[in-house]
Protein backbone atom coordinates (compact mmCIF):
# COMPACT_ATOMS: atom_id res chain seq x y z
CA MET A 1 0.00 0.00 0.00
CA ALA A 2 1.38 3.46 -0.79
CA ARG A 3 2.52 5.57 2.04
CA THR A 4 1.57 9.18 2.39
CA GLN A 5 4.33 11.61 2.86
CA ILE A 6 3.45 14.82 4.73
CA ARG A 7 5.72 17.65 4.46
CA VAL A 8 5.30 20.47 6.92
CA GLN A 9 6.59 23.81 6.03
CA THR A 10 6.95 26.09 9.08
CA ASP A 11 7.72 29.63 9.63
CA ILE A 12 8.73 29.91 13.26
CA ARG A 13 10.52 32.29 15.34
CA PRO A 14 14.19 31.84 16.37
CA GLY A 15 14.59 29.98 19.62
CA ALA A 16 11.57 27.71 19.09
CA GLU A 17 13.03 25.73 16.23
CA ASP A 18 13.97 22.75 18.34
CA GLN A 19 10.45 22.34 19.63
CA VAL A 20 9.05 22.46 16.17
CA LEU A 21 11.46 19.83 14.91
CA GLN A 22 10.44 17.53 17.69
CA VAL A 23 6.77 17.87 16.77
CA LYS A 24 7.60 17.32 13.13
CA ASP A 25 9.51 14.14 13.76
CA GLY A 26 6.70 12.79 15.88
CA ILE A 27 4.19 13.37 13.15
CA LEU A 28 6.42 11.76 10.53
CA ASP A 29 6.99 8.70 12.68
CA TYR A 30 3.26 8.29 13.15
CA VAL A 31 2.52 8.68 9.50
CA ASN A 32 5.24 6.27 8.36
CA VAL A 33 4.08 3.45 10.58
CA THR A 34 0.35 3.86 10.16
CA GLU A 35 -1.30 2.34 7.07
CA ILE A 36 -4.01 4.49 5.77
CA THR A 37 -6.45 2.31 3.89
CA ASP A 38 -9.89 3.71 4.40
CA GLY A 39 -11.27 5.44 1.22
CA PHE A 40 -8.33 4.46 -1.03
CA VAL A 41 -8.00 1.82 -3.89
CA THR A 42 -5.05 -0.48 -4.15
CA ASP A 43 -2.92 -1.01 -7.26
CA ALA A 44 -4.21 -4.61 -7.60
CA GLU A 45 -7.80 -3.44 -7.54
CA LEU A 46 -6.94 -0.81 -10.09
CA ALA A 47 -5.25 -3.44 -12.28
CA THR A 48 -8.26 -5.78 -11.97
CA GLU A 49 -10.63 -2.96 -12.84
CA SER A 50 -8.45 -1.95 -15.76
CA THR A 51 -8.37 -5.55 -17.06
CA ALA A 52 -12.12 -5.87 -16.68
CA ARG A 53 -12.70 -2.60 -18.44
CA GLN A 54 -10.31 -3.56 -21.24
CA SER A 55 -12.13 -6.93 -21.60
CA GLY A 56 -15.47 -5.11 -21.62
CA ASP A 57 -14.16 -2.66 -24.17
CA THR A 58 -12.94 -5.58 -26.32
CA THR A 59 -16.32 -7.33 -26.06
CA LEU A 60 -18.14 -4.10 -26.82
CA GLN A 61 -15.90 -3.53 -29.83
CA THR A 62 -16.54 -7.12 -30.98
CA ASN A 63 -20.29 -6.56 -30.65
CA ILE A 64 -20.03 -3.25 -32.48
CA ASP A 65 -18.03 -4.92 -35.23
CA ALA A 66 -20.68 -7.70 -35.46
CA VAL A 67 -23.45 -5.10 -35.65
CA VAL A 68 -21.52 -3.23 -38.34
CA THR A 69 -21.00 -6.51 -40.23
CA ASN A 70 -24.72 -7.40 -39.86
CA LEU A 71 -25.69 -3.92 -41.02
CA ALA A 72 -23.39 -4.30 -44.01
CA SER A 73 -24.91 -7.71 -44.80
CA GLU A 74 -28.46 -6.37 -44.39
CA THR A 75 -27.59 -3.38 -46.57
CA SER A 76 -26.16 -5.73 -49.21
CA ALA A 77 -29.20 -8.04 -48.99
CA ARG A 78 -31.62 -5.12 -49.22
CA THR A 79 -29.67 -3.70 -52.16
CA ALA A 80 -29.83 -7.11 -53.90
CA ALA A 81 -33.55 -7.42 -53.08
CA ASP A 82 -34.19 -3.91 -54.39
CA THR A 83 -32.28 -4.78 -57.55
CA ALA A 84 -34.28 -8.01 -57.98
CA LEU A 85 -37.54 -6.18 -57.29
CA SER A 86 -36.59 -3.51 -59.78
CA THR A 87 -35.84 -6.26 -62.32
CA GLN A 88 -39.21 -7.91 -61.65
CA VAL A 89 -40.99 -4.58 -61.93
CA GLY A 90 -39.19 -4.02 -65.20
CA ASP A 91 -40.21 -7.48 -66.38
CA VAL A 92 -43.83 -6.78 -65.40
CA GLU A 93 -43.71 -3.46 -67.20
CA ASP A 94 -42.25 -5.21 -70.26
CA SER A 95 -44.98 -7.88 -70.04
CA VAL A 96 -47.68 -5.23 -69.71
CA THR A 97 -46.22 -3.36 -72.66
CA ALA A 98 -46.08 -6.57 -74.70
CA GLU A 99 -49.67 -7.43 -73.70
CA VAL A 100 -50.84 -3.94 -74.64
CA THR A 101 -49.04 -4.27 -77.98
CA ALA A 102 -50.51 -7.74 -78.56
CA ARG A 103 -54.03 -6.63 -77.64
CA THR A 104 -53.68 -3.57 -79.84
CA SER A 105 -52.58 -5.78 -82.73
CA ALA A 106 -55.43 -8.21 -82.01
CA ASP A 107 -57.93 -5.35 -81.86
CA THR A 108 -56.58 -4.04 -85.15
CA ALA A 109 -56.84 -7.50 -86.74
CA LEU A 110 -60.35 -7.93 -85.32
CA GLY A 111 -61.33 -4.54 -86.65
CA ALA A 112 -59.99 -5.51 -90.06
CA ARG A 113 -61.97 -8.76 -89.95
CA ILE A 114 -65.11 -6.91 -88.89
CA ASP A 115 -64.56 -4.44 -91.73
CA GLY A 116 -64.13 -7.40 -94.07
CA VAL A 117 -67.34 -8.96 -92.80
CA VAL A 118 -69.17 -5.65 -93.19
CA THR A 119 -67.81 -5.35 -96.73
CA SER A 120 -68.79 -8.94 -97.50
CA VAL A 121 -72.26 -8.39 -96.09
CA SER A 122 -72.60 -5.18 -98.06
CA THR A 123 -71.43 -6.96 -101.21
CA GLU A 124 -73.82 -9.81 -100.51
CA VAL A 125 -76.70 -7.38 -100.02
CA THR A 126 -75.80 -5.68 -103.30
CA ASP A 127 -75.51 -9.02 -105.10
CA ARG A 128 -78.80 -10.22 -103.67
CA THR A 129 -80.50 -6.96 -104.61
CA THR A 130 -79.14 -7.27 -108.13
CA ALA A 131 -80.20 -10.89 -108.30
CA ASP A 132 -83.65 -10.02 -106.96
CA THR A 133 -83.97 -7.31 -109.56
CA ALA A 134 -82.93 -9.69 -112.33
CA LEU A 135 -85.32 -12.31 -111.01
CA GLN A 136 -88.14 -9.81 -110.92
CA THR A 137 -87.31 -8.83 -114.49
CA GLN A 138 -87.53 -12.47 -115.51
CA ILE A 139 -90.78 -12.87 -113.61
CA ASP A 140 -92.16 -9.80 -115.30
CA ALA A 141 -91.05 -11.15 -118.65
CA LEU A 142 -92.66 -14.51 -117.92
CA GLU A 143 -95.83 -12.82 -116.80
CA SER A 144 -95.85 -10.82 -120.00
CA LYS A 145 -95.30 -13.98 -122.02
CA ALA A 146 -98.42 -15.40 -120.50
CA ASN A 147 -100.30 -12.90 -122.76
CA VAL A 148 -98.59 -13.85 -126.01
CA ARG A 149 -101.13 -13.23 -128.74
CA GLY A 150 -99.19 -14.79 -131.61
CA SER A 151 -96.21 -14.28 -133.88
CA VAL A 152 -95.23 -12.34 -136.97
CA ASP A 153 -92.35 -12.71 -139.34
CA THR A 154 -90.93 -9.19 -139.14
CA PHE A 155 -91.11 -6.09 -137.01
CA ALA A 156 -92.76 -4.30 -139.94
CA GLU A 157 -95.60 -6.80 -139.81
CA LEU A 158 -95.93 -6.19 -136.07
CA GLU A 159 -96.29 -2.47 -136.60
CA ALA A 160 -98.93 -3.12 -139.27
CA LEU A 161 -101.13 -5.14 -136.89
CA SER A 162 -104.40 -3.71 -135.66
CA THR A 163 -104.19 -2.76 -131.98
CA THR A 164 -107.89 -2.27 -131.46
CA ASP A 165 -108.44 -5.41 -129.38
CA LEU A 166 -105.06 -5.35 -127.56
CA VAL A 167 -104.73 -4.73 -123.81
CA ASP A 168 -101.75 -3.70 -121.76
CA GLY A 169 -99.34 -6.64 -121.42
CA ASP A 170 -100.29 -8.41 -124.65
CA SER A 171 -97.23 -9.51 -126.56
CA TYR A 172 -96.13 -10.78 -129.97
CA ILE A 173 -93.14 -12.84 -131.09
CA VAL A 174 -91.19 -11.47 -134.04
CA LEU A 175 -89.51 -14.43 -135.72
CA ALA A 176 -86.96 -12.42 -137.74
CA ASP A 177 -86.70 -8.97 -136.25
CA GLU A 178 -84.90 -6.78 -138.78
CA THR A 179 -84.26 -4.21 -136.06
CA HIS A 180 -82.32 -6.75 -133.96
CA ASP A 181 -80.10 -8.66 -136.38
CA ASP A 182 -83.01 -10.77 -137.61
CA GLY A 183 -83.18 -12.54 -134.27
CA THR A 184 -86.31 -13.84 -132.61
CA THR A 185 -87.62 -11.16 -130.28
CA GLU A 186 -90.63 -10.30 -128.19
CA TYR A 187 -92.57 -7.05 -127.95
CA VAL A 188 -95.15 -6.02 -125.33
CA TRP A 189 -98.04 -3.59 -125.95
CA ASN A 190 -98.09 -0.86 -123.28
CA GLY A 191 -101.35 0.70 -124.41
CA THR A 192 -99.90 3.10 -126.93
CA ALA A 193 -96.84 1.42 -128.50
CA TRP A 194 -94.87 -1.79 -128.82
CA VAL A 195 -92.03 -2.06 -126.26
CA TYR A 196 -89.05 -4.31 -126.91
CA ALA A 197 -88.98 -7.03 -124.18
CA GLY A 198 -85.84 -8.85 -125.29
CA SER A 199 -84.80 -11.83 -127.33
CA PHE A 200 -87.06 -14.83 -127.29
CA SER A 201 -86.01 -18.48 -127.09
CA VAL A 202 -87.58 -21.68 -125.82
CA ASN A 203 -85.46 -24.52 -124.36
CA LEU A 204 -87.23 -27.86 -124.92
CA ALA A 205 -84.36 -30.04 -123.68
CA ASP A 206 -86.21 -30.96 -120.48
CA TYR A 207 -89.48 -31.77 -122.24
CA ALA A 208 -90.55 -35.12 -123.67
CA THR A 209 -91.12 -35.46 -127.35
CA VAL A 210 -94.49 -36.47 -128.79
CA THR A 211 -93.04 -39.87 -129.77
CA ALA A 212 -91.78 -40.50 -126.24
CA LEU A 213 -95.12 -39.49 -124.77
CA THR A 214 -96.96 -41.79 -127.16
CA THR A 215 -94.70 -44.72 -126.30
CA GLU A 216 -95.09 -44.11 -122.54
CA THR A 217 -98.87 -43.82 -122.88
CA SER A 218 -99.07 -47.10 -124.76
CA ALA A 219 -96.90 -48.89 -122.19
CA ARG A 220 -98.94 -47.59 -119.29
CA THR A 221 -102.19 -48.58 -120.99
CA SER A 222 -100.91 -52.14 -121.53
CA ALA A 223 -99.73 -52.40 -117.91
CA ASP A 224 -103.05 -51.12 -116.59
CA SER A 225 -104.90 -53.65 -118.73
CA ALA A 226 -102.78 -56.53 -117.46
CA LEU A 227 -103.21 -55.41 -113.85
CA ASP A 228 -106.97 -55.15 -114.33
CA THR A 229 -107.04 -58.70 -115.69
CA ARG A 230 -105.20 -60.04 -112.63
CA VAL A 231 -107.44 -58.17 -110.22
CA THR A 232 -110.51 -59.51 -111.97
CA ALA A 233 -109.15 -63.05 -111.73
CA ILE A 234 -108.51 -62.68 -108.00
CA GLU A 235 -111.96 -61.26 -107.42
CA ASP A 236 -113.55 -64.09 -109.42
CA ALA A 237 -111.63 -66.72 -107.41
CA ASP A 238 -112.82 -65.18 -104.13
CA TYR A 239 -109.38 -65.88 -102.57
CA ILE A 240 -110.07 -63.98 -99.42
CA THR A 241 -113.63 -64.61 -98.46
CA ASP A 242 -113.58 -68.40 -98.88
CA ALA A 243 -110.22 -69.07 -97.18
CA PRO A 244 -110.42 -71.51 -94.20
CA ALA A 245 -110.17 -69.80 -90.78
CA ASP A 246 -108.98 -72.69 -88.59
CA GLY A 247 -105.44 -71.44 -87.98
CA LYS A 248 -103.84 -73.92 -90.39
CA SER A 249 -101.69 -73.19 -93.42
CA TYR A 250 -103.36 -73.49 -96.84
CA VAL A 251 -102.30 -73.04 -100.47
CA ARG A 252 -104.42 -72.45 -103.59
CA VAL A 253 -104.53 -75.52 -105.84
CA ASP A 254 -106.82 -75.84 -108.90
CA ASN A 255 -109.01 -72.94 -107.79
CA ALA A 256 -109.46 -74.54 -104.34
CA TRP A 257 -107.77 -74.36 -100.92
CA ALA A 258 -105.51 -77.27 -99.87
CA GLN A 259 -103.81 -77.63 -96.46
CA ASN A 260 -100.05 -77.12 -96.60
CA SER A 261 -98.84 -80.30 -94.89
CA ALA A 262 -95.21 -79.21 -95.16
CA VAL A 263 -95.90 -76.25 -92.92
CA GLY A 264 -98.47 -77.64 -90.54
CA SER A 265 -100.78 -75.64 -88.32
CA LEU A 266 -99.70 -72.68 -86.24
CA VAL A 267 -100.76 -72.85 -82.59
CA ILE A 268 -100.62 -69.62 -80.61
CA THR A 269 -100.78 -69.78 -76.81
CA ASP A 270 -101.03 -66.85 -74.41
CA THR A 271 -100.14 -67.16 -70.72
CA SER A 272 -100.05 -64.54 -67.98
CA THR A 273 -98.31 -64.74 -64.58
CA THR A 274 -98.92 -62.22 -61.79
CA ALA A 275 -96.76 -61.69 -58.69
CA ILE A 276 -96.80 -59.19 -55.80
CA ALA A 277 -93.35 -57.82 -54.96
CA ASN A 278 -91.99 -57.98 -51.41
CA GLY A 279 -89.53 -55.08 -51.73
CA THR A 280 -86.38 -57.20 -52.03
CA GLN A 281 -87.21 -59.67 -54.78
CA THR A 282 -85.64 -58.89 -58.18
CA ALA A 283 -86.29 -62.12 -60.17
CA PHE A 284 -89.81 -63.05 -61.26
CA VAL A 285 -90.53 -66.36 -63.05
CA ALA A 286 -93.34 -67.30 -65.44
CA THR A 287 -93.95 -70.74 -66.96
CA ALA A 288 -95.36 -71.57 -70.40
CA THR A 289 -95.84 -74.98 -71.99
CA GLY A 290 -93.93 -75.29 -75.26
CA LEU A 291 -91.66 -72.30 -74.57
CA THR A 292 -88.18 -72.83 -76.03
CA PRO A 293 -85.19 -70.50 -76.01
CA THR A 294 -83.70 -71.90 -79.28
CA PRO A 295 -85.24 -71.40 -81.67
CA ALA A 296 -87.05 -68.61 -79.86
CA ASN A 297 -90.79 -69.19 -80.27
CA TYR A 298 -92.16 -66.54 -77.95
CA THR A 299 -92.79 -62.89 -77.27
CA ALA A 300 -92.75 -61.51 -73.74
CA ARG A 301 -94.06 -58.39 -72.05
CA VAL A 302 -93.32 -57.44 -68.45
CA TYR A 303 -95.53 -54.92 -66.63
CA ARG A 304 -95.01 -53.21 -63.28
CA ASN A 305 -98.13 -51.65 -61.85
CA GLY A 306 -99.58 -51.66 -65.36
CA ILE A 307 -96.58 -49.92 -66.95
CA LEU A 308 -94.70 -51.79 -69.69
CA MET A 309 -91.06 -52.29 -68.69
CA GLU A 310 -88.11 -52.01 -71.09
CA LYS A 311 -85.84 -55.00 -71.56
CA GLY A 312 -82.07 -54.91 -71.98
CA SER A 313 -78.81 -53.95 -70.31
CA GLY A 314 -79.09 -50.56 -68.64
CA ASN A 315 -82.89 -50.69 -68.83
CA ASP A 316 -85.56 -52.03 -66.46
CA TYR A 317 -84.86 -55.77 -66.57
CA LEU A 318 -82.97 -58.66 -68.17
CA GLU A 319 -84.59 -61.86 -69.39
CA THR A 320 -83.46 -65.45 -68.96
CA VAL A 321 -85.25 -68.13 -70.99
CA ALA A 322 -85.22 -71.87 -70.44
CA THR A 323 -87.47 -74.59 -71.81
CA GLY A 324 -90.88 -73.96 -70.32
CA SER A 325 -89.86 -70.98 -68.14
CA TYR A 326 -89.15 -67.28 -68.44
CA THR A 327 -87.35 -65.17 -65.80
CA ALA A 328 -87.40 -61.35 -65.66
CA THR A 329 -84.66 -59.98 -63.37
CA PHE A 330 -85.15 -56.31 -62.46
CA ALA A 331 -82.17 -53.98 -62.15
CA THR A 332 -83.77 -52.60 -58.98
CA ALA A 333 -86.15 -54.57 -56.81
CA PRO A 334 -89.75 -53.36 -57.19
CA MET A 335 -91.21 -51.79 -54.07
CA ALA A 336 -93.29 -53.88 -51.69
CA ASP A 337 -96.84 -54.54 -52.95
CA ASP A 338 -95.91 -53.60 -56.54
CA LYS A 339 -97.77 -55.76 -59.05
CA VAL A 340 -95.58 -57.55 -61.61
CA VAL A 341 -97.27 -59.23 -64.59
CA ILE A 342 -95.43 -61.33 -67.20
CA THR A 343 -97.38 -62.05 -70.40
CA LEU A 344 -95.99 -64.74 -72.72
CA THR A 345 -97.16 -65.65 -76.24
CA THR A 346 -95.74 -68.86 -77.74
CA PHE A 347 -95.97 -70.05 -81.36
CA ASP A 348 -95.89 -73.76 -82.35
CA LEU A 349 -96.40 -75.58 -85.63
CA VAL A 350 -98.29 -78.88 -85.27
């Protein structure tokens, strides 16, 4: 521990110096032998504190350096993220621009197509109007031809005709019209003058000739005569009214009926089976004498509560046929107390 040195500076009078020296020495002796520790810090404590503070400063600096490093990393990451975001924004802007360009081009193309359709429709309307006009002209011409009064050789002869008994719409054919290259023409009377209606021609390619009509008439007359002869013969033989009605097969022999022994007689038998469903039963069986599956000699009808059911896969029921029995298996069991009727008709030759 450090010692405290006390120096006493005195200003005394001569003669008292010895006394002062004695007091001084006493004080020095006391101070030199007495350790003064209260309120003071030792060198070791100072060294420990200094080491601790240096360690703390080092740790603090390390932490500051780490924070600086983290801030630098965060700044770098944020800069990279901002760059990436800016790139994405740019890509989106480019995509939007491309989409706008594409839609503009598509709108332009659509507008062009619409304009084309409008033009086509307009052209079609014009063409149809023209065609309608031409058709009406032809109709008018045909209507006027319905009043053809006759023909003349030349236009001069036409002009020389009396018009006293003519009415509007009457027409004449000029066979060699000198005013139109000697062609065949038609003129219509309008009440005061002859009006040129155009050239006149008749296409007979689709019409039968007189010879063909005569031949066809003769052939049809002969066929009708032959048919009438056969009908008369059948009526005279009384084929229908005198035929036997006993269910057997007959043929006509020498103007009389003879049983066809090679065929035999056809026997038709009807049977009906009724069952009341219990709610779980799906198969219903009916029996019929003479029923055979191969060759099939029957027809069957299955009714549920009076309604005809439909047979087949995916429908109301399936059938199973054995000799003498018929089974109808429903896809879904009829409800309890439903009435199921199976009607069978069998055909046998005896």
